[in-house]
Amino acid sequence: MKREIIQKTFASEQEYILFEEKSELKHELFNGNLITMSGVSTDHNEITLNIAILLRQLLKGTAYKVFIEAVKVKTPLGNFFYPDVMVCHPNPDKYFSTEPIVIVEILSESTRKYDVVDKFIQYQKIDSLHYYLCVEPEQQSVLFYSKDTDGDWQLVTLIKDEDVINLSKLSISLSLQQIYNPE
């Protein structure tokens, strides 16, 4: 399914949330435009579940929550996105988070530029965000962006089973093997 961009004006954030609650399709809200979310492949779904389950196990007993696909993140500029996986502190709003520490997007042909460029520009504005992972579902490759102590973003491309994604702010790490070939 191809992403569709729809121009629609909402009087308030709450109006958008209510619209989404009643809609049969999910829509991200980016610069005043609704962007219809496309369907996903089985590879996409499997990688999403692998990452979410792994993060949930690694973060068991902490204050962090792991959400997948249906919970939105709100950026400081009022844009709303549906990350594939998100780790955040519990948030008082039941429909979205404003304080993610990790965001994971599973890439596809139709979303690659949108995820790697457009969304990442918006995600960088979130103070609490320290890690952004862009994961290829059909080949073993992860773009791992991490924010250093000066607030600058660093990129490492990981491709081998033994490559490790170190999420030091959460005191956890995961390997590509755990993401792509869990046992």
C-alpha atoms as a PDB file:
ATOM      1  CA  MET A   1       0.000   0.000   0.000  1.00  0.00           C
ATOM      2  CA  LYS A   2       1.344   3.439  -0.872  1.00  0.00           C
ATOM      3  CA  ARG A   3       1.419   6.319   1.610  1.00  0.00           C
ATOM      4  CA  GLU A   4      -1.166   8.977   0.878  1.00  0.00           C
ATOM      5  CA  ILE A   5      -0.800  12.620   1.934  1.00  0.00           C
ATOM      6  CA  ILE A   6      -4.042  14.389   2.849  1.00  0.00           C
ATOM      7  CA  GLN A   7      -4.290  18.076   3.708  1.00  0.00           C
ATOM      8  CA  LYS A   8      -6.596  18.529   6.675  1.00  0.00           C
ATOM      9  CA  THR A   9      -6.775  21.208   9.312  1.00  0.00           C
ATOM     10  CA  PHE A  10      -7.505  20.405  12.929  1.00  0.00           C
ATOM     11  CA  ALA A  11      -8.640  23.040  15.400  1.00  0.00           C
ATOM     12  CA  SER A  12      -6.719  21.326  18.190  1.00  0.00           C
ATOM     13  CA  GLU A  13      -4.514  18.419  19.116  1.00  0.00           C
ATOM     14  CA  GLN A  14      -7.525  16.782  20.729  1.00  0.00           C
ATOM     15  CA  GLU A  15      -9.454  16.988  17.443  1.00  0.00           C
ATOM     16  CA  TYR A  16      -6.662  15.036  15.706  1.00  0.00           C
ATOM     17  CA  ILE A  17      -6.608  12.435  18.504  1.00  0.00           C
ATOM     18  CA  LEU A  18     -10.396  11.973  18.231  1.00  0.00           C
ATOM     19  CA  PHE A  19     -10.149  11.741  14.438  1.00  0.00           C
ATOM     20  CA  GLU A  20      -7.528   8.975  14.786  1.00  0.00           C
ATOM     21  CA  GLU A  21      -9.598   7.125  17.367  1.00  0.00           C
ATOM     22  CA  LYS A  22     -12.526   6.883  14.925  1.00  0.00           C
ATOM     23  CA  SER A  23     -10.503   6.271  11.763  1.00  0.00           C
ATOM     24  CA  GLU A  24     -10.149   2.809  10.230  1.00  0.00           C
ATOM     25  CA  LEU A  25      -6.655   3.814   9.013  1.00  0.00           C
ATOM     26  CA  LYS A  26      -3.765   5.264  11.009  1.00  0.00           C
ATOM     27  CA  HIS A  27      -2.506   8.706  10.002  1.00  0.00           C
ATOM     28  CA  GLU A  28       0.612  10.548  11.078  1.00  0.00           C
ATOM     29  CA  LEU A  29       0.272  14.311  11.372  1.00  0.00           C
ATOM     30  CA  PHE A  30       3.263  16.046   9.797  1.00  0.00           C
ATOM     31  CA  ASN A  31       3.354  19.796   9.120  1.00  0.00           C
ATOM     32  CA  GLY A  32      -0.434  19.980   8.988  1.00  0.00           C
ATOM     33  CA  ASN A  33      -0.795  17.042   6.584  1.00  0.00           C
ATOM     34  CA  LEU A  34      -2.240  13.646   7.370  1.00  0.00           C
ATOM     35  CA  ILE A  35      -0.048  10.838   6.092  1.00  0.00           C
ATOM     36  CA  THR A  36      -1.855   7.531   5.738  1.00  0.00           C
ATOM     37  CA  MET A  37       0.184   4.661   7.126  1.00  0.00           C
ATOM     38  CA  SER A  38       0.867   1.856   4.698  1.00  0.00           C
ATOM     39  CA  GLY A  39       0.563  -1.865   5.320  1.00  0.00           C
ATOM     40  CA  VAL A  40       3.617  -3.854   6.387  1.00  0.00           C
ATOM     41  CA  SER A  41       5.370  -6.993   5.179  1.00  0.00           C
ATOM     42  CA  THR A  42       5.756 -10.141   7.229  1.00  0.00           C
ATOM     43  CA  ASP A  43       9.511  -9.393   7.514  1.00  0.00           C
ATOM     44  CA  HIS A  44       8.667  -5.927   8.884  1.00  0.00           C
ATOM     45  CA  ASN A  45       6.236  -7.389  11.394  1.00  0.00           C
ATOM     46  CA  GLU A  46       8.628 -10.103  12.551  1.00  0.00           C
ATOM     47  CA  ILE A  47      11.529  -7.660  13.099  1.00  0.00           C
ATOM     48  CA  THR A  48       9.207  -5.263  14.963  1.00  0.00           C
ATOM     49  CA  LEU A  49       8.088  -8.030  17.304  1.00  0.00           C
ATOM     50  CA  ASN A  50      11.636  -9.320  17.824  1.00  0.00           C
ATOM     51  CA  ILE A  51      12.848  -5.866  18.881  1.00  0.00           C
ATOM     52  CA  ALA A  52       9.828  -5.095  21.076  1.00  0.00           C
ATOM     53  CA  ILE A  53       9.977  -8.444  22.883  1.00  0.00           C
ATOM     54  CA  LEU A  54      13.734  -8.167  23.397  1.00  0.00           C
ATOM     55  CA  LEU A  55      13.506  -4.603  24.736  1.00  0.00           C
ATOM     56  CA  ARG A  56      10.629  -5.524  27.020  1.00  0.00           C
ATOM     57  CA  GLN A  57      12.613  -8.442  28.473  1.00  0.00           C
ATOM     58  CA  LEU A  58      15.755  -6.329  28.922  1.00  0.00           C
ATOM     59  CA  LEU A  59      13.818  -3.488  30.588  1.00  0.00           C
ATOM     60  CA  LYS A  60      11.700  -5.660  32.881  1.00  0.00           C
ATOM     61  CA  GLY A  61      11.609  -4.167  36.369  1.00  0.00           C
ATOM     62  CA  THR A  62      12.478  -0.637  35.209  1.00  0.00           C
ATOM     63  CA  ALA A  63      10.274   2.441  34.838  1.00  0.00           C
ATOM     64  CA  TYR A  64      10.580   2.322  31.039  1.00  0.00           C
ATOM     65  CA  LYS A  65       7.686   1.203  28.839  1.00  0.00           C
ATOM     66  CA  VAL A  66       7.923  -0.410  25.394  1.00  0.00           C
ATOM     67  CA  PHE A  67       5.233   0.422  22.839  1.00  0.00           C
ATOM     68  CA  ILE A  68       4.734  -0.775  19.279  1.00  0.00           C
ATOM     69  CA  GLU A  69       3.112   0.713  16.176  1.00  0.00           C
ATOM     70  CA  ALA A  70      -0.202   1.938  17.609  1.00  0.00           C
ATOM     71  CA  VAL A  71       1.097   4.479  20.159  1.00  0.00           C
ATOM     72  CA  LYS A  72       2.081   7.866  18.777  1.00  0.00           C
ATOM     73  CA  VAL A  73       5.016  10.092  19.647  1.00  0.00           C
ATOM     74  CA  LYS A  74       4.427  13.852  19.717  1.00  0.00           C
ATOM     75  CA  THR A  75       7.306  16.117  18.713  1.00  0.00           C
ATOM     76  CA  PRO A  76       7.861  19.596  20.167  1.00  0.00           C
ATOM     77  CA  LEU A  77       6.499  21.151  16.933  1.00  0.00           C
ATOM     78  CA  GLY A  78       3.183  19.302  17.333  1.00  0.00           C
ATOM     79  CA  ASN A  79       3.784  16.577  14.756  1.00  0.00           C
ATOM     80  CA  PHE A  80       2.554  13.059  15.551  1.00  0.00           C
ATOM     81  CA  PHE A  81       4.220   9.867  14.322  1.00  0.00           C
ATOM     82  CA  TYR A  82       3.675   6.142  14.866  1.00  0.00           C
ATOM     83  CA  PRO A  83       7.119   4.629  15.547  1.00  0.00           C
ATOM     84  CA  ASP A  84       7.378   0.905  14.988  1.00  0.00           C
ATOM     85  CA  VAL A  85       8.894   0.506  18.457  1.00  0.00           C
ATOM     86  CA  MET A  86       9.352   3.127  21.165  1.00  0.00           C
ATOM     87  CA  VAL A  87      10.845   3.042  24.655  1.00  0.00           C
ATOM     88  CA  CYS A  88       9.756   5.862  26.955  1.00  0.00           C
ATOM     89  CA  HIS A  89       8.923   6.879  30.476  1.00  0.00           C
ATOM     90  CA  PRO A  90       5.282   6.374  31.374  1.00  0.00           C
ATOM     91  CA  ASN A  91       3.325   9.325  30.083  1.00  0.00           C
ATOM     92  CA  PRO A  92       0.090  10.777  31.462  1.00  0.00           C
ATOM     93  CA  ASP A  93      -1.557  10.868  28.019  1.00  0.00           C
ATOM     94  CA  LYS A  94      -2.950   7.478  26.998  1.00  0.00           C
ATOM     95  CA  TYR A  95      -2.589   8.085  23.227  1.00  0.00           C
ATOM     96  CA  PHE A  96       0.939   9.402  22.795  1.00  0.00           C
ATOM     97  CA  SER A  97       4.333   9.955  24.379  1.00  0.00           C
ATOM     98  CA  THR A  98       6.387  13.127  24.471  1.00  0.00           C
ATOM     99  CA  GLU A  99       9.383  11.534  26.215  1.00  0.00           C
ATOM    100  CA  PRO A 100      10.790   8.632  24.208  1.00  0.00           C
ATOM    101  CA  ILE A 101      14.382   7.615  24.856  1.00  0.00           C
ATOM    102  CA  VAL A 102      14.532   5.075  21.980  1.00  0.00           C
ATOM    103  CA  ILE A 103      12.658   5.121  18.676  1.00  0.00           C
ATOM    104  CA  VAL A 104      12.892   2.298  16.143  1.00  0.00           C
ATOM    105  CA  GLU A 105      11.636   2.505  12.567  1.00  0.00           C
ATOM    106  CA  ILE A 106      11.586  -0.550  10.315  1.00  0.00           C
ATOM    107  CA  LEU A 107      12.363   0.712   6.810  1.00  0.00           C
ATOM    108  CA  SER A 108      10.642  -0.106   3.523  1.00  0.00           C
ATOM    109  CA  GLU A 109      10.940   1.142  -0.037  1.00  0.00           C
ATOM    110  CA  SER A 110       7.971   3.477   0.445  1.00  0.00           C
ATOM    111  CA  THR A 111       9.085   4.894   3.827  1.00  0.00           C
ATOM    112  CA  ARG A 112      12.915   4.867   3.752  1.00  0.00           C
ATOM    113  CA  LYS A 113      13.451   8.583   2.916  1.00  0.00           C
ATOM    114  CA  TYR A 114      10.569   9.641   5.150  1.00  0.00           C
ATOM    115  CA  ASP A 115      11.970   7.651   8.118  1.00  0.00           C
ATOM    116  CA  VAL A 116      15.669   8.435   7.644  1.00  0.00           C
ATOM    117  CA  VAL A 117      15.290  12.118   6.747  1.00  0.00           C
ATOM    118  CA  ASP A 118      11.919  13.719   7.506  1.00  0.00           C
ATOM    119  CA  LYS A 119      11.076  11.882  10.703  1.00  0.00           C
ATOM    120  CA  PHE A 120      14.637  11.951  12.019  1.00  0.00           C
ATOM    121  CA  ILE A 121      14.784  15.735  11.647  1.00  0.00           C
ATOM    122  CA  GLN A 122      11.635  15.948  13.787  1.00  0.00           C
ATOM    123  CA  TYR A 123      12.762  13.292  16.259  1.00  0.00           C
ATOM    124  CA  GLN A 124      16.024  15.161  16.925  1.00  0.00           C
ATOM    125  CA  LYS A 125      13.954  17.976  18.449  1.00  0.00           C
ATOM    126  CA  ILE A 126      12.802  15.647  21.277  1.00  0.00           C
ATOM    127  CA  ASP A 127      15.098  16.336  24.250  1.00  0.00           C
ATOM    128  CA  SER A 128      14.591  12.928  25.871  1.00  0.00           C
ATOM    129  CA  LEU A 129      15.464  10.975  22.706  1.00  0.00           C
ATOM    130  CA  HIS A 130      18.946   9.422  22.803  1.00  0.00           C
ATOM    131  CA  TYR A 131      18.711   6.570  20.300  1.00  0.00           C
ATOM    132  CA  TYR A 132      17.173   6.191  16.857  1.00  0.00           C
ATOM    133  CA  LEU A 133      17.384   2.889  14.986  1.00  0.00           C
ATOM    134  CA  CYS A 134      16.485   2.477  11.322  1.00  0.00           C
ATOM    135  CA  VAL A 135      16.257  -1.245  10.633  1.00  0.00           C
ATOM    136  CA  GLU A 136      16.232  -2.927   7.234  1.00  0.00           C
ATOM    137  CA  PRO A 137      13.772  -5.852   7.337  1.00  0.00           C
ATOM    138  CA  GLU A 138      14.988  -7.809   4.310  1.00  0.00           C
ATOM    139  CA  GLN A 139      18.735  -7.650   4.936  1.00  0.00           C
ATOM    140  CA  GLN A 140      20.747  -7.454   8.124  1.00  0.00           C
ATOM    141  CA  SER A 141      21.520  -3.747   8.430  1.00  0.00           C
ATOM    142  CA  VAL A 142      20.797  -1.213  11.150  1.00  0.00           C
ATOM    143  CA  LEU A 143      21.481   2.514  11.063  1.00  0.00           C
ATOM    144  CA  PHE A 144      22.150   3.300  14.736  1.00  0.00           C
ATOM    145  CA  TYR A 145      21.969   6.984  15.624  1.00  0.00           C
ATOM    146  CA  SER A 146      22.961   7.981  19.157  1.00  0.00           C
ATOM    147  CA  LYS A 147      23.152  11.368  20.834  1.00  0.00           C
ATOM    148  CA  ASP A 148      26.477  12.146  22.509  1.00  0.00           C
ATOM    149  CA  THR A 149      27.009  14.212  25.667  1.00  0.00           C
ATOM    150  CA  ASP A 150      27.199  17.424  23.596  1.00  0.00           C
ATOM    151  CA  GLY A 151      23.804  16.686  22.024  1.00  0.00           C
ATOM    152  CA  ASP A 152      25.291  15.835  18.619  1.00  0.00           C
ATOM    153  CA  TRP A 153      24.041  12.784  16.748  1.00  0.00           C
ATOM    154  CA  GLN A 154      26.470  10.045  15.721  1.00  0.00           C
ATOM    155  CA  LEU A 155      25.729   7.346  13.131  1.00  0.00           C
ATOM    156  CA  VAL A 156      27.061   3.794  13.053  1.00  0.00           C
ATOM    157  CA  THR A 157      25.965   1.226  10.468  1.00  0.00           C
ATOM    158  CA  LEU A 158      25.773  -2.309  11.839  1.00  0.00           C
ATOM    159  CA  ILE A 159      25.606  -5.406   9.599  1.00  0.00           C
ATOM    160  CA  LYS A 160      27.152  -8.423  11.385  1.00  0.00           C
ATOM    161  CA  ASP A 161      25.504 -10.859  13.826  1.00  0.00           C
ATOM    162  CA  GLU A 162      27.984  -9.906  16.540  1.00  0.00           C
ATOM    163  CA  ASP A 163      27.501  -6.129  16.096  1.00  0.00           C
ATOM    164  CA  VAL A 164      26.052  -4.662  19.297  1.00  0.00           C
ATOM    165  CA  ILE A 165      23.639  -1.777  19.804  1.00  0.00           C
ATOM    166  CA  ASN A 166      24.684  -0.291  23.128  1.00  0.00           C
ATOM    167  CA  LEU A 167      21.866   1.642  24.805  1.00  0.00           C
ATOM    168  CA  SER A 168      23.994   2.843  27.714  1.00  0.00           C
ATOM    169  CA  LYS A 169      21.371   5.303  29.038  1.00  0.00           C
ATOM    170  CA  LEU A 170      19.192   2.249  29.663  1.00  0.00           C
ATOM    171  CA  SER A 171      22.099   0.005  30.764  1.00  0.00           C
ATOM    172  CA  ILE A 172      21.232  -2.570  28.102  1.00  0.00           C
ATOM    173  CA  SER A 173      22.555  -3.755  24.761  1.00  0.00           C
ATOM    174  CA  LEU A 174      21.321  -6.003  21.987  1.00  0.00           C
ATOM    175  CA  SER A 175      23.030  -7.699  19.083  1.00  0.00           C
ATOM    176  CA  LEU A 176      21.937  -7.913  15.495  1.00  0.00           C
ATOM    177  CA  GLN A 177      21.686 -11.664  15.923  1.00  0.00           C
ATOM    178  CA  GLN A 178      19.063 -11.123  18.628  1.00  0.00           C
ATOM    179  CA  ILE A 179      17.104  -8.867  16.264  1.00  0.00           C
ATOM    180  CA  TYR A 180      17.336 -10.905  13.073  1.00  0.00           C
ATOM    181  CA  ASN A 181      17.815 -14.474  14.306  1.00  0.00           C
ATOM    182  CA  PRO A 182      16.440 -14.831  17.835  1.00  0.00           C
ATOM    183  CA  GLU A 183      16.573 -18.275  19.339  1.00  0.00           C
END
